[in-house]
Amino acid sequence: MPESTITKTRQDNSLTGQSKWVTPVIIVLVVALFVISMVLGGKKTSGDEEGFGGTDDAAAEAAEQAGAKKWIEPIFEPNSGEVESGLFAMQAALGAGIAGYALGRMSGKKKGREEAEHASDLHSVDDVPEAAVTSSETTATAKS
């Protein structure tokens, strides 16, 4: 075999090779970033505002200050923030369940299709071992 046709494969050791310190450093940096954001964001802002205000609330306040009027009113408004959070969590869980079911269903269809193709490939005439053909021929000739 000519030397030019041989391809040498190189193993990628970027995170698992000699520099095993990279992964722990990244984990420490992510934890530090989380802690710093919680400390800085947890401080109360002016008045009774929350430290972690959402962008929806900020956009609504800016629009009201600019003179915009509400187009529609909510159909249902929960009594407390806990109920609102619970409803949001239920909505997120339902959405995740539907998405997981759909992805699992698609994956199962693909796997079933591949297994069916593999099974149909095994039953072709070319895949029958020669020993099985000769033994069936001798059985057929012996009966006659």
Protein backbone atom coordinates (compact mmCIF):
# COMPACT_ATOMS: atom_id res chain seq x y z
CA MET A 1 0.00 0.00 0.00
CA PRO A 2 1.48 3.36 -0.95
CA GLU A 3 2.52 5.65 1.86
CA SER A 4 0.41 8.53 0.56
CA THR A 5 -2.88 6.65 1.02
CA ILE A 6 -2.30 5.96 4.70
CA THR A 7 -3.84 8.66 6.85
CA LYS A 8 -2.68 9.07 10.37
CA THR A 9 -5.31 9.89 12.94
CA ARG A 10 -4.51 12.25 15.75
CA GLN A 11 -6.27 11.94 19.04
CA ASP A 12 -7.75 15.17 20.38
CA ASN A 13 -6.56 15.59 23.98
CA SER A 14 -7.63 19.18 24.50
CA LEU A 15 -9.55 18.60 27.75
CA THR A 16 -8.46 15.11 28.70
CA GLY A 17 -4.76 15.06 27.93
CA GLN A 18 -1.86 16.69 29.70
CA SER A 19 -3.79 19.82 30.68
CA LYS A 20 -6.26 18.25 33.11
CA TRP A 21 -6.45 21.48 35.08
CA VAL A 22 -8.61 23.20 32.42
CA THR A 23 -11.93 21.62 33.43
CA PRO A 24 -11.64 22.38 37.17
CA VAL A 25 -10.62 25.98 36.39
CA ILE A 26 -13.66 26.45 34.14
CA ILE A 27 -15.95 25.01 36.82
CA VAL A 28 -14.48 27.35 39.46
CA LEU A 29 -14.94 30.34 37.14
CA VAL A 30 -18.58 29.46 36.46
CA VAL A 31 -19.30 29.06 40.19
CA ALA A 32 -17.53 32.36 40.95
CA LEU A 33 -19.54 34.13 38.25
CA PHE A 34 -22.76 32.72 39.72
CA VAL A 35 -21.85 33.79 43.27
CA ILE A 36 -20.83 37.29 42.20
CA SER A 37 -24.05 37.79 40.24
CA MET A 38 -26.12 36.63 43.22
CA VAL A 39 -24.31 38.98 45.61
CA LEU A 40 -24.48 42.01 43.34
CA GLY A 41 -27.98 41.32 42.03
CA GLY A 42 -29.41 40.49 45.44
CA LYS A 43 -28.91 44.01 46.75
CA LYS A 44 -32.12 45.99 46.95
CA THR A 45 -32.52 48.71 44.42
CA SER A 46 -34.14 52.08 45.10
CA GLY A 47 -37.52 51.84 46.80
CA ASP A 48 -39.36 48.53 47.04
CA GLU A 49 -38.16 47.18 43.71
CA GLU A 50 -36.75 43.71 43.53
CA GLY A 51 -33.07 43.12 42.80
CA PHE A 52 -33.87 40.67 40.01
CA GLY A 53 -36.48 42.52 37.98
CA GLY A 54 -37.42 40.99 34.66
CA THR A 55 -37.04 42.66 31.30
CA ASP A 56 -40.80 42.37 30.76
CA ASP A 57 -41.45 44.57 33.77
CA ALA A 58 -38.79 47.07 32.74
CA ALA A 59 -40.20 47.28 29.20
CA ALA A 60 -43.76 47.73 30.53
CA GLU A 61 -42.62 50.54 32.86
CA ALA A 62 -40.72 52.27 30.07
CA ALA A 63 -43.75 52.02 27.76
CA GLU A 64 -46.09 53.44 30.43
CA GLN A 65 -43.71 56.31 31.10
CA ALA A 66 -43.66 57.04 27.36
CA GLY A 67 -47.46 57.31 27.39
CA ALA A 68 -48.44 53.94 25.93
CA LYS A 69 -51.80 52.47 26.94
CA LYS A 70 -52.58 48.78 27.51
CA TRP A 71 -54.32 47.10 24.60
CA ILE A 72 -55.73 44.17 26.56
CA GLU A 73 -56.22 43.14 30.17
CA PRO A 74 -55.25 39.72 31.54
CA ILE A 75 -58.06 37.14 31.68
CA PHE A 76 -56.79 35.62 34.92
CA GLU A 77 -54.40 37.18 37.40
CA PRO A 78 -53.10 34.95 40.23
CA ASN A 79 -53.53 36.11 43.82
CA SER A 80 -49.85 35.88 44.72
CA GLY A 81 -46.41 35.45 43.24
CA GLU A 82 -46.22 31.89 44.54
CA VAL A 83 -49.32 30.86 42.59
CA GLU A 84 -47.95 32.58 39.51
CA SER A 85 -44.62 30.76 39.88
CA GLY A 86 -46.39 27.45 40.37
CA LEU A 87 -48.49 27.95 37.24
CA PHE A 88 -45.38 28.89 35.28
CA ALA A 89 -43.59 25.77 36.55
CA MET A 90 -46.56 23.61 35.53
CA GLN A 91 -46.58 25.21 32.09
CA ALA A 92 -42.83 24.61 31.70
CA ALA A 93 -43.17 20.97 32.83
CA LEU A 94 -46.03 20.37 30.42
CA GLY A 95 -44.06 21.89 27.54
CA ALA A 96 -40.97 19.87 28.42
CA GLY A 97 -43.07 16.69 28.61
CA ILE A 98 -44.60 17.32 25.18
CA ALA A 99 -41.21 18.14 23.66
CA GLY A 100 -39.63 15.05 25.26
CA TYR A 101 -42.45 12.83 24.03
CA ALA A 102 -42.15 14.19 20.49
CA LEU A 103 -38.36 13.77 20.42
CA GLY A 104 -38.58 10.26 21.86
CA ARG A 105 -41.25 9.34 19.33
CA MET A 106 -39.12 10.60 16.43
CA SER A 107 -36.07 8.79 17.78
CA GLY A 108 -38.05 5.57 18.17
CA LYS A 109 -39.39 5.80 14.62
CA LYS A 110 -35.88 6.29 13.26
CA LYS A 111 -34.53 3.36 15.31
CA GLY A 112 -37.42 1.13 14.21
CA ARG A 113 -36.88 2.06 10.57
CA GLU A 114 -33.16 1.24 10.85
CA GLU A 115 -33.92 -2.11 12.52
CA ALA A 116 -36.46 -2.96 9.81
CA GLU A 117 -33.96 -2.13 7.08
CA HIS A 118 -31.32 -4.23 8.83
CA ALA A 119 -33.75 -7.15 9.17
CA SER A 120 -34.75 -6.93 5.50
CA ASP A 121 -31.07 -6.92 4.50
CA LEU A 122 -30.49 -10.15 6.42
CA HIS A 123 -33.27 -11.98 4.56
CA SER A 124 -31.89 -11.45 1.07
CA VAL A 125 -30.74 -14.47 -0.94
CA ASP A 126 -27.12 -13.33 -0.96
CA ASP A 127 -26.88 -13.45 2.84
CA VAL A 128 -27.80 -17.14 3.17
CA PRO A 129 -24.71 -19.16 4.06
CA GLU A 130 -23.55 -21.65 1.44
CA ALA A 131 -23.62 -24.51 3.94
CA ALA A 132 -27.35 -23.99 4.45
CA VAL A 133 -27.97 -24.12 0.68
CA THR A 134 -25.98 -27.31 0.20
CA SER A 135 -27.61 -29.03 3.17
CA SER A 136 -31.09 -28.18 1.90
CA GLU A 137 -30.14 -29.42 -1.57
CA THR A 138 -28.92 -32.73 -0.16
CA THR A 139 -32.10 -33.06 1.89
CA ALA A 140 -34.21 -32.41 -1.20
CA THR A 141 -32.25 -34.91 -3.30
CA ALA A 142 -32.37 -37.54 -0.54
CA LYS A 143 -36.17 -37.33 -0.35
CA SER A 144 -36.55 -37.86 -4.09
